[in-house]
N, C-alpha and C. Protein backbone atom coordinates (compact mmCIF):
# COMPACT_ATOMS: atom_id res chain seq x y z
N UNK A 1 49.79 -5.35 -31.81
CA UNK A 1 48.91 -5.92 -32.79
C UNK A 1 47.93 -6.91 -32.15
N UNK A 2 48.42 -7.72 -31.23
CA UNK A 2 47.56 -8.68 -30.54
C UNK A 2 46.46 -7.97 -29.76
N UNK A 3 46.81 -6.89 -29.07
CA UNK A 3 45.81 -6.15 -28.29
C UNK A 3 44.77 -5.50 -29.20
N UNK A 4 45.19 -5.09 -30.38
CA UNK A 4 44.25 -4.49 -31.33
C UNK A 4 43.24 -5.53 -31.82
N UNK A 5 43.69 -6.75 -32.06
CA UNK A 5 42.81 -7.83 -32.49
C UNK A 5 41.83 -8.18 -31.36
N UNK A 6 42.34 -8.29 -30.16
CA UNK A 6 41.49 -8.60 -29.00
C UNK A 6 40.47 -7.48 -28.79
N UNK A 7 40.90 -6.23 -28.91
CA UNK A 7 39.99 -5.10 -28.74
C UNK A 7 38.91 -5.11 -29.82
N UNK A 8 39.28 -5.46 -31.06
CA UNK A 8 38.31 -5.53 -32.15
C UNK A 8 37.30 -6.64 -31.90
N UNK A 9 37.77 -7.78 -31.48
CA UNK A 9 36.87 -8.91 -31.17
C UNK A 9 35.95 -8.55 -30.01
N UNK A 10 36.51 -7.96 -28.97
CA UNK A 10 35.71 -7.55 -27.81
C UNK A 10 34.66 -6.52 -28.23
N UNK A 11 35.05 -5.56 -29.05
CA UNK A 11 34.14 -4.53 -29.54
C UNK A 11 33.00 -5.16 -30.36
N UNK A 12 33.34 -6.12 -31.22
CA UNK A 12 32.33 -6.80 -32.03
C UNK A 12 31.31 -7.52 -31.16
N UNK A 13 31.78 -8.28 -30.18
CA UNK A 13 30.86 -9.02 -29.31
C UNK A 13 30.04 -8.08 -28.42
N UNK A 14 30.63 -6.97 -28.01
CA UNK A 14 29.90 -5.99 -27.22
C UNK A 14 28.77 -5.38 -28.04
N UNK A 15 29.06 -5.03 -29.29
CA UNK A 15 28.03 -4.47 -30.18
C UNK A 15 26.96 -5.52 -30.48
N UNK A 16 27.37 -6.76 -30.66
CA UNK A 16 26.42 -7.84 -30.91
C UNK A 16 25.50 -8.02 -29.70
N UNK A 17 26.07 -7.98 -28.51
CA UNK A 17 25.28 -8.10 -27.28
C UNK A 17 24.30 -6.93 -27.15
N UNK A 18 24.77 -5.72 -27.40
CA UNK A 18 23.87 -4.56 -27.31
C UNK A 18 22.76 -4.63 -28.36
N UNK A 19 23.09 -5.07 -29.55
CA UNK A 19 22.08 -5.23 -30.60
C UNK A 19 21.03 -6.26 -30.23
N UNK A 20 21.49 -7.37 -29.67
CA UNK A 20 20.57 -8.43 -29.24
C UNK A 20 19.66 -7.93 -28.12
N UNK A 21 20.24 -7.23 -27.14
CA UNK A 21 19.44 -6.68 -26.05
C UNK A 21 18.42 -5.67 -26.57
N UNK A 22 18.82 -4.85 -27.52
CA UNK A 22 17.89 -3.87 -28.10
C UNK A 22 16.73 -4.58 -28.78
N UNK A 23 17.01 -5.63 -29.52
CA UNK A 23 15.95 -6.38 -30.19
C UNK A 23 15.04 -7.05 -29.16
N UNK A 24 15.63 -7.61 -28.10
CA UNK A 24 14.83 -8.27 -27.08
C UNK A 24 13.94 -7.31 -26.30
N UNK A 25 14.32 -6.05 -26.24
CA UNK A 25 13.50 -5.06 -25.55
C UNK A 25 12.50 -4.41 -26.51
N UNK A 26 12.94 -4.07 -27.70
CA UNK A 26 12.09 -3.35 -28.64
C UNK A 26 10.98 -4.24 -29.21
N UNK A 27 11.25 -5.49 -29.47
CA UNK A 27 10.25 -6.37 -30.07
C UNK A 27 9.00 -6.50 -29.20
N UNK A 28 9.12 -6.83 -27.91
CA UNK A 28 7.89 -6.91 -27.09
C UNK A 28 7.19 -5.55 -26.98
N UNK A 29 7.96 -4.49 -26.83
CA UNK A 29 7.34 -3.17 -26.73
C UNK A 29 6.55 -2.82 -27.99
N UNK A 30 7.14 -3.10 -29.14
CA UNK A 30 6.46 -2.81 -30.40
C UNK A 30 5.21 -3.67 -30.55
N UNK A 31 5.32 -4.96 -30.25
CA UNK A 31 4.16 -5.84 -30.36
C UNK A 31 3.05 -5.41 -29.40
N UNK A 32 3.40 -5.10 -28.16
CA UNK A 32 2.39 -4.72 -27.18
C UNK A 32 1.76 -3.37 -27.53
N UNK A 33 2.54 -2.45 -28.06
CA UNK A 33 1.98 -1.17 -28.49
C UNK A 33 0.99 -1.38 -29.63
N UNK A 34 1.31 -2.27 -30.54
CA UNK A 34 0.39 -2.58 -31.63
C UNK A 34 -0.85 -3.28 -31.11
N UNK A 35 -0.66 -4.30 -30.25
CA UNK A 35 -1.80 -5.06 -29.71
C UNK A 35 -2.72 -4.18 -28.87
N UNK A 36 -2.17 -3.16 -28.22
CA UNK A 36 -2.99 -2.28 -27.39
C UNK A 36 -3.99 -1.49 -28.22
N UNK A 37 -3.72 -1.35 -29.51
CA UNK A 37 -4.65 -0.62 -30.37
C UNK A 37 -5.62 -1.54 -31.10
N UNK A 38 -5.48 -2.84 -30.93
CA UNK A 38 -6.34 -3.83 -31.58
C UNK A 38 -7.41 -4.31 -30.59
N UNK A 39 -8.54 -4.80 -31.09
CA UNK A 39 -9.56 -5.34 -30.17
C UNK A 39 -8.99 -6.49 -29.33
N UNK A 40 -9.32 -6.47 -28.05
CA UNK A 40 -8.84 -7.53 -27.17
C UNK A 40 -9.67 -8.79 -27.41
N UNK A 41 -9.02 -9.95 -27.23
CA UNK A 41 -9.64 -11.22 -27.55
C UNK A 41 -10.70 -11.65 -26.54
N UNK A 42 -10.48 -11.36 -25.28
CA UNK A 42 -11.42 -11.81 -24.25
C UNK A 42 -12.79 -11.17 -24.48
N UNK A 43 -13.83 -11.98 -24.38
CA UNK A 43 -15.19 -11.51 -24.63
C UNK A 43 -15.63 -10.44 -23.63
N UNK A 44 -15.07 -10.46 -22.44
CA UNK A 44 -15.45 -9.51 -21.41
C UNK A 44 -15.18 -8.07 -21.83
N UNK A 45 -14.22 -7.87 -22.73
CA UNK A 45 -13.84 -6.52 -23.13
C UNK A 45 -14.68 -5.98 -24.29
N UNK A 46 -15.64 -6.76 -24.77
CA UNK A 46 -16.57 -6.33 -25.82
C UNK A 46 -15.84 -5.76 -27.04
N UNK A 47 -14.78 -6.41 -27.46
CA UNK A 47 -13.99 -6.04 -28.65
C UNK A 47 -13.38 -4.64 -28.57
N UNK A 48 -13.20 -4.12 -27.36
CA UNK A 48 -12.53 -2.83 -27.19
C UNK A 48 -11.03 -3.03 -27.29
N UNK A 49 -10.34 -2.01 -27.72
CA UNK A 49 -8.89 -2.05 -27.66
C UNK A 49 -8.48 -1.68 -26.24
N UNK A 50 -7.24 -1.97 -25.89
CA UNK A 50 -6.74 -1.64 -24.57
C UNK A 50 -6.76 -0.12 -24.37
N UNK A 51 -6.38 0.63 -25.41
CA UNK A 51 -6.41 2.09 -25.31
C UNK A 51 -7.82 2.61 -25.09
N UNK A 52 -8.80 2.01 -25.77
CA UNK A 52 -10.20 2.41 -25.59
C UNK A 52 -10.67 2.07 -24.18
N UNK A 53 -10.27 0.92 -23.69
CA UNK A 53 -10.62 0.52 -22.33
C UNK A 53 -10.04 1.51 -21.32
N UNK A 54 -8.79 1.91 -21.52
CA UNK A 54 -8.18 2.87 -20.59
C UNK A 54 -8.92 4.21 -20.62
N UNK A 55 -9.29 4.67 -21.81
CA UNK A 55 -10.02 5.94 -21.92
C UNK A 55 -11.38 5.84 -21.23
N UNK A 56 -12.06 4.72 -21.42
CA UNK A 56 -13.36 4.52 -20.79
C UNK A 56 -13.24 4.48 -19.27
N UNK A 57 -12.23 3.81 -18.77
CA UNK A 57 -12.04 3.70 -17.33
C UNK A 57 -11.61 5.04 -16.73
N UNK A 58 -10.79 5.79 -17.45
CA UNK A 58 -10.38 7.10 -16.96
C UNK A 58 -11.61 8.02 -16.82
N UNK A 59 -12.48 8.00 -17.81
CA UNK A 59 -13.70 8.81 -17.75
C UNK A 59 -14.60 8.35 -16.60
N UNK A 60 -14.73 7.05 -16.40
CA UNK A 60 -15.57 6.53 -15.32
C UNK A 60 -15.01 6.92 -13.95
N UNK A 61 -13.70 6.84 -13.79
CA UNK A 61 -13.08 7.26 -12.53
C UNK A 61 -13.31 8.74 -12.28
N UNK A 62 -13.15 9.56 -13.32
CA UNK A 62 -13.33 11.01 -13.17
C UNK A 62 -14.77 11.34 -12.79
N UNK A 63 -15.72 10.68 -13.44
CA UNK A 63 -17.13 10.91 -13.14
C UNK A 63 -17.46 10.50 -11.70
N UNK A 64 -16.97 9.35 -11.28
CA UNK A 64 -17.24 8.89 -9.91
C UNK A 64 -16.58 9.83 -8.90
N UNK A 65 -15.39 10.30 -9.16
CA UNK A 65 -14.71 11.21 -8.23
C UNK A 65 -15.48 12.52 -8.10
N UNK A 66 -16.00 13.02 -9.22
CA UNK A 66 -16.77 14.27 -9.20
C UNK A 66 -18.06 14.09 -8.39
N UNK A 67 -18.76 13.01 -8.64
CA UNK A 67 -20.00 12.75 -7.90
C UNK A 67 -19.72 12.54 -6.41
N UNK A 68 -18.65 11.82 -6.12
CA UNK A 68 -18.32 11.55 -4.71
C UNK A 68 -17.95 12.84 -4.00
N UNK A 69 -17.19 13.71 -4.66
CA UNK A 69 -16.78 14.98 -4.06
C UNK A 69 -18.01 15.84 -3.78
N UNK A 70 -18.97 15.82 -4.71
CA UNK A 70 -20.18 16.63 -4.52
C UNK A 70 -21.01 16.13 -3.34
N UNK A 71 -21.06 14.83 -3.14
CA UNK A 71 -21.86 14.29 -2.04
C UNK A 71 -21.08 14.17 -0.74
N UNK A 72 -19.76 14.32 -0.77
CA UNK A 72 -18.93 14.26 0.43
C UNK A 72 -17.95 15.44 0.42
N UNK A 73 -18.43 16.65 0.71
CA UNK A 73 -17.56 17.83 0.59
C UNK A 73 -16.38 17.85 1.58
N UNK A 74 -16.45 17.09 2.64
CA UNK A 74 -15.35 17.08 3.63
C UNK A 74 -14.24 16.10 3.28
N UNK A 75 -14.42 15.30 2.23
CA UNK A 75 -13.42 14.32 1.82
C UNK A 75 -12.53 14.95 0.76
N UNK A 76 -11.23 14.73 0.90
CA UNK A 76 -10.26 15.24 -0.07
C UNK A 76 -10.12 14.23 -1.21
N UNK A 77 -10.93 14.42 -2.25
CA UNK A 77 -10.89 13.53 -3.41
C UNK A 77 -9.75 13.97 -4.31
N UNK A 78 -8.91 13.04 -4.67
CA UNK A 78 -7.76 13.34 -5.53
C UNK A 78 -8.09 12.90 -6.96
N UNK A 79 -8.48 13.83 -7.82
CA UNK A 79 -8.84 13.47 -9.19
C UNK A 79 -7.65 12.82 -9.92
N UNK A 80 -7.92 11.77 -10.64
CA UNK A 80 -6.88 11.09 -11.41
C UNK A 80 -6.09 10.06 -10.64
N UNK A 81 -6.20 10.07 -9.32
CA UNK A 81 -5.41 9.15 -8.50
C UNK A 81 -5.80 7.69 -8.76
N UNK A 82 -7.09 7.42 -8.85
CA UNK A 82 -7.55 6.04 -9.03
C UNK A 82 -7.07 5.48 -10.37
N UNK A 83 -7.23 6.26 -11.42
CA UNK A 83 -6.80 5.80 -12.74
C UNK A 83 -5.28 5.64 -12.78
N UNK A 84 -4.57 6.57 -12.19
CA UNK A 84 -3.10 6.48 -12.16
C UNK A 84 -2.62 5.23 -11.45
N UNK A 85 -3.25 4.91 -10.33
CA UNK A 85 -2.87 3.71 -9.59
C UNK A 85 -3.17 2.46 -10.41
N UNK A 86 -4.33 2.44 -11.08
CA UNK A 86 -4.69 1.28 -11.88
C UNK A 86 -3.69 1.07 -13.02
N UNK A 87 -3.34 2.14 -13.72
CA UNK A 87 -2.38 2.02 -14.83
C UNK A 87 -1.01 1.59 -14.30
N UNK A 88 -0.61 2.13 -13.15
CA UNK A 88 0.67 1.72 -12.55
C UNK A 88 0.66 0.23 -12.24
N UNK A 89 -0.42 -0.26 -11.64
CA UNK A 89 -0.51 -1.69 -11.31
C UNK A 89 -0.51 -2.53 -12.58
N UNK A 90 -1.19 -2.07 -13.61
CA UNK A 90 -1.22 -2.82 -14.86
C UNK A 90 0.18 -2.99 -15.45
N UNK A 91 0.96 -1.92 -15.42
CA UNK A 91 2.27 -1.99 -16.06
C UNK A 91 3.39 -2.43 -15.13
N UNK A 92 3.28 -2.18 -13.84
CA UNK A 92 4.36 -2.56 -12.92
C UNK A 92 4.14 -3.93 -12.30
N UNK A 93 2.91 -4.40 -12.26
CA UNK A 93 2.61 -5.69 -11.64
C UNK A 93 2.06 -6.69 -12.66
N UNK A 94 1.00 -6.29 -13.36
CA UNK A 94 0.32 -7.22 -14.26
C UNK A 94 1.16 -7.61 -15.46
N UNK A 95 1.85 -6.65 -16.06
CA UNK A 95 2.64 -6.97 -17.26
C UNK A 95 3.80 -7.92 -16.94
N UNK A 96 4.64 -7.63 -15.94
CA UNK A 96 5.69 -8.62 -15.64
C UNK A 96 5.14 -9.91 -15.03
N UNK A 97 4.08 -9.81 -14.24
CA UNK A 97 3.47 -11.01 -13.67
C UNK A 97 2.92 -11.93 -14.72
N UNK A 98 2.22 -11.36 -15.70
CA UNK A 98 1.69 -12.18 -16.79
C UNK A 98 2.82 -12.75 -17.63
N UNK A 99 3.92 -12.01 -17.74
CA UNK A 99 5.08 -12.54 -18.46
C UNK A 99 5.67 -13.75 -17.75
N UNK A 100 5.74 -13.68 -16.42
CA UNK A 100 6.26 -14.82 -15.66
C UNK A 100 5.32 -16.01 -15.78
N UNK A 101 4.01 -15.78 -15.72
CA UNK A 101 3.06 -16.87 -15.83
C UNK A 101 3.14 -17.51 -17.22
N UNK A 102 3.36 -16.69 -18.25
CA UNK A 102 3.53 -17.22 -19.60
C UNK A 102 4.81 -18.03 -19.68
N UNK A 103 5.86 -17.53 -19.04
CA UNK A 103 7.12 -18.26 -18.98
C UNK A 103 6.94 -19.59 -18.25
N UNK A 104 6.08 -19.60 -17.23
CA UNK A 104 5.78 -20.84 -16.52
C UNK A 104 5.02 -21.82 -17.40
N UNK A 105 4.30 -21.30 -18.39
CA UNK A 105 3.66 -22.18 -19.36
C UNK A 105 4.66 -22.79 -20.31
N UNK A 106 5.73 -22.05 -20.59
CA UNK A 106 6.80 -22.54 -21.46
C UNK A 106 7.72 -23.50 -20.70
N UNK A 107 8.01 -23.16 -19.45
CA UNK A 107 8.87 -23.99 -18.60
C UNK A 107 8.07 -24.42 -17.36
N UNK A 108 7.43 -25.57 -17.40
CA UNK A 108 6.55 -26.00 -16.30
C UNK A 108 7.22 -26.06 -14.93
N UNK A 109 8.54 -26.19 -14.86
CA UNK A 109 9.21 -26.20 -13.57
C UNK A 109 9.00 -24.89 -12.81
N UNK A 110 8.74 -23.81 -13.50
CA UNK A 110 8.52 -22.52 -12.85
C UNK A 110 7.16 -22.44 -12.15
N UNK A 111 6.27 -23.38 -12.44
CA UNK A 111 4.94 -23.32 -11.85
C UNK A 111 4.97 -23.51 -10.34
N UNK A 112 6.04 -24.03 -9.80
CA UNK A 112 6.11 -24.17 -8.34
C UNK A 112 6.22 -22.81 -7.66
N UNK A 113 6.57 -21.75 -8.43
CA UNK A 113 6.65 -20.39 -7.88
C UNK A 113 5.37 -19.60 -8.10
N UNK A 114 4.37 -20.25 -8.66
CA UNK A 114 3.09 -19.61 -8.96
C UNK A 114 2.08 -20.02 -7.89
N UNK A 115 1.23 -19.09 -7.52
CA UNK A 115 0.16 -19.38 -6.57
C UNK A 115 -0.67 -20.56 -7.09
N UNK A 116 -0.83 -21.63 -6.30
CA UNK A 116 -1.60 -22.78 -6.77
C UNK A 116 -3.03 -22.44 -7.20
N UNK A 117 -3.64 -21.45 -6.55
CA UNK A 117 -4.99 -21.04 -6.97
C UNK A 117 -4.97 -20.45 -8.37
N UNK A 118 -3.91 -19.74 -8.71
CA UNK A 118 -3.80 -19.18 -10.06
C UNK A 118 -3.63 -20.27 -11.11
N UNK A 119 -2.95 -21.35 -10.73
CA UNK A 119 -2.82 -22.49 -11.65
C UNK A 119 -4.19 -23.11 -11.88
N UNK A 120 -4.97 -23.27 -10.80
CA UNK A 120 -6.31 -23.84 -10.91
C UNK A 120 -7.24 -22.94 -11.71
N UNK A 121 -7.07 -21.62 -11.60
CA UNK A 121 -7.92 -20.67 -12.32
C UNK A 121 -7.57 -20.58 -13.80
N UNK A 122 -6.50 -21.22 -14.21
CA UNK A 122 -6.13 -21.23 -15.62
C UNK A 122 -5.29 -20.05 -16.06
N UNK A 123 -4.56 -19.44 -15.14
CA UNK A 123 -3.72 -18.30 -15.51
C UNK A 123 -2.43 -18.73 -16.20
N UNK A 124 -2.07 -19.98 -16.06
CA UNK A 124 -0.89 -20.50 -16.75
C UNK A 124 -1.35 -20.98 -18.12
N UNK A 125 -0.87 -20.34 -19.19
CA UNK A 125 -1.34 -20.74 -20.52
C UNK A 125 -0.77 -22.10 -20.94
N UNK A 126 -1.52 -22.79 -21.77
CA UNK A 126 -1.08 -24.07 -22.32
C UNK A 126 -0.44 -23.86 -23.69
N UNK A 127 0.33 -24.83 -24.10
CA UNK A 127 0.90 -24.86 -25.45
C UNK A 127 1.72 -23.61 -25.78
N UNK A 128 2.49 -23.12 -24.82
CA UNK A 128 3.35 -21.97 -25.07
C UNK A 128 4.61 -22.45 -25.77
N UNK A 129 4.97 -21.78 -26.85
CA UNK A 129 6.21 -22.08 -27.57
C UNK A 129 6.98 -20.78 -27.72
N UNK A 130 8.19 -20.89 -28.20
CA UNK A 130 8.97 -19.68 -28.45
C UNK A 130 8.30 -18.83 -29.52
N UNK A 131 7.66 -19.46 -30.49
CA UNK A 131 7.04 -18.75 -31.61
C UNK A 131 5.81 -17.95 -31.17
N UNK A 132 5.05 -18.47 -30.21
CA UNK A 132 3.83 -17.77 -29.79
C UNK A 132 3.96 -17.13 -28.41
N UNK A 133 5.16 -17.04 -27.90
CA UNK A 133 5.35 -16.53 -26.53
C UNK A 133 4.80 -15.13 -26.34
N UNK A 134 5.12 -14.21 -27.24
CA UNK A 134 4.69 -12.82 -27.05
C UNK A 134 3.17 -12.66 -27.18
N UNK A 135 2.56 -13.35 -28.13
CA UNK A 135 1.10 -13.24 -28.25
C UNK A 135 0.40 -13.90 -27.07
N UNK A 136 0.96 -14.99 -26.59
CA UNK A 136 0.38 -15.65 -25.41
C UNK A 136 0.56 -14.77 -24.17
N UNK A 137 1.69 -14.08 -24.10
CA UNK A 137 1.93 -13.15 -22.99
C UNK A 137 0.85 -12.08 -23.00
N UNK A 138 0.51 -11.54 -24.17
CA UNK A 138 -0.55 -10.53 -24.24
C UNK A 138 -1.89 -11.10 -23.77
N UNK A 139 -2.20 -12.31 -24.19
CA UNK A 139 -3.46 -12.94 -23.78
C UNK A 139 -3.51 -13.12 -22.26
N UNK A 140 -2.39 -13.51 -21.67
CA UNK A 140 -2.31 -13.67 -20.22
C UNK A 140 -2.42 -12.31 -19.55
N UNK A 141 -1.85 -11.29 -20.15
CA UNK A 141 -1.97 -9.92 -19.64
C UNK A 141 -3.44 -9.50 -19.60
N UNK A 142 -4.20 -9.87 -20.63
CA UNK A 142 -5.63 -9.57 -20.65
C UNK A 142 -6.34 -10.23 -19.46
N UNK A 143 -5.95 -11.47 -19.13
CA UNK A 143 -6.54 -12.13 -17.96
C UNK A 143 -6.25 -11.35 -16.69
N UNK A 144 -5.01 -10.89 -16.55
CA UNK A 144 -4.63 -10.12 -15.37
C UNK A 144 -5.41 -8.80 -15.31
N UNK A 145 -5.57 -8.14 -16.45
CA UNK A 145 -6.31 -6.88 -16.50
C UNK A 145 -7.76 -7.10 -16.08
N UNK A 146 -8.36 -8.18 -16.58
CA UNK A 146 -9.75 -8.46 -16.24
C UNK A 146 -9.90 -8.69 -14.74
N UNK A 147 -8.98 -9.39 -14.13
CA UNK A 147 -9.06 -9.62 -12.68
C UNK A 147 -8.91 -8.30 -11.92
N UNK A 148 -8.06 -7.41 -12.41
CA UNK A 148 -7.90 -6.10 -11.78
C UNK A 148 -9.20 -5.30 -11.90
N UNK A 149 -9.83 -5.36 -13.05
CA UNK A 149 -11.09 -4.65 -13.26
C UNK A 149 -12.19 -5.22 -12.36
N UNK A 150 -12.22 -6.54 -12.22
CA UNK A 150 -13.22 -7.16 -11.34
C UNK A 150 -13.01 -6.78 -9.88
N UNK A 151 -11.77 -6.47 -9.50
CA UNK A 151 -11.47 -6.09 -8.12
C UNK A 151 -11.84 -4.63 -7.82
N UNK A 152 -11.85 -3.78 -8.83
CA UNK A 152 -12.05 -2.33 -8.63
C UNK A 152 -13.29 -1.98 -7.80
N UNK A 153 -14.45 -2.63 -8.01
CA UNK A 153 -15.62 -2.25 -7.21
C UNK A 153 -15.49 -2.57 -5.72
N UNK A 154 -14.46 -3.30 -5.33
CA UNK A 154 -14.30 -3.71 -3.94
C UNK A 154 -13.07 -3.10 -3.29
N UNK A 155 -12.47 -2.10 -3.94
CA UNK A 155 -11.24 -1.51 -3.45
C UNK A 155 -11.42 -0.70 -2.18
N UNK A 156 -10.32 -0.31 -1.54
CA UNK A 156 -10.39 0.38 -0.25
C UNK A 156 -10.81 1.84 -0.33
N UNK A 157 -10.66 2.49 -1.50
CA UNK A 157 -10.99 3.91 -1.62
C UNK A 157 -12.38 4.03 -2.25
N UNK A 158 -13.30 4.66 -1.53
CA UNK A 158 -14.70 4.70 -1.95
C UNK A 158 -14.89 5.33 -3.33
N UNK A 159 -14.17 6.37 -3.64
CA UNK A 159 -14.37 7.03 -4.93
C UNK A 159 -13.56 6.38 -6.06
N UNK A 160 -13.01 5.21 -5.80
CA UNK A 160 -12.32 4.43 -6.85
C UNK A 160 -13.10 3.16 -7.20
N UNK A 161 -14.24 2.99 -6.64
CA UNK A 161 -15.00 1.74 -6.84
C UNK A 161 -15.92 1.83 -8.05
N UNK A 162 -15.32 1.84 -9.23
CA UNK A 162 -16.15 1.87 -10.43
C UNK A 162 -16.61 0.46 -10.76
N UNK A 163 -17.75 0.40 -11.42
CA UNK A 163 -18.34 -0.89 -11.75
C UNK A 163 -17.60 -1.54 -12.92
N UNK A 164 -17.75 -2.82 -13.02
CA UNK A 164 -17.18 -3.58 -14.14
C UNK A 164 -17.92 -3.16 -15.40
N UNK A 165 -17.18 -2.87 -16.48
CA UNK A 165 -17.86 -2.43 -17.71
C UNK A 165 -18.75 -3.52 -18.29
């Protein structure tokens, strides 16, 4: 009987933990999926949604790759590679990086792990609270995306150097 009670308690806490983890994962994903379809706040994006920005950049990369291939027939241009790398960097580097910078805005002690130049550039958001953490994270993500876009014209691959929109 004692083991049955312990097993029931253990099962309850395990389910509670899994439920909490599911909420902690699903909530940011749902919010970011919704925000990606809404106009971005930064003026540089001209009120485009993130999805619209991605479509525009994909078309620009494809056009540049086609033109570059036509003018450089001996170069092996890989269509889609530039856009794929950019999207990978946005989600594998910029999204978690902007999350850490937002967390550093919530917990200032974490700022010692942030590049001092990034602190000076204003990448650490002010007035971060638990209530506005996710929306502030998205705003910081927009800053990271803009810096990535500004870097694109100077990248190492010639047919990936699209201009800033």
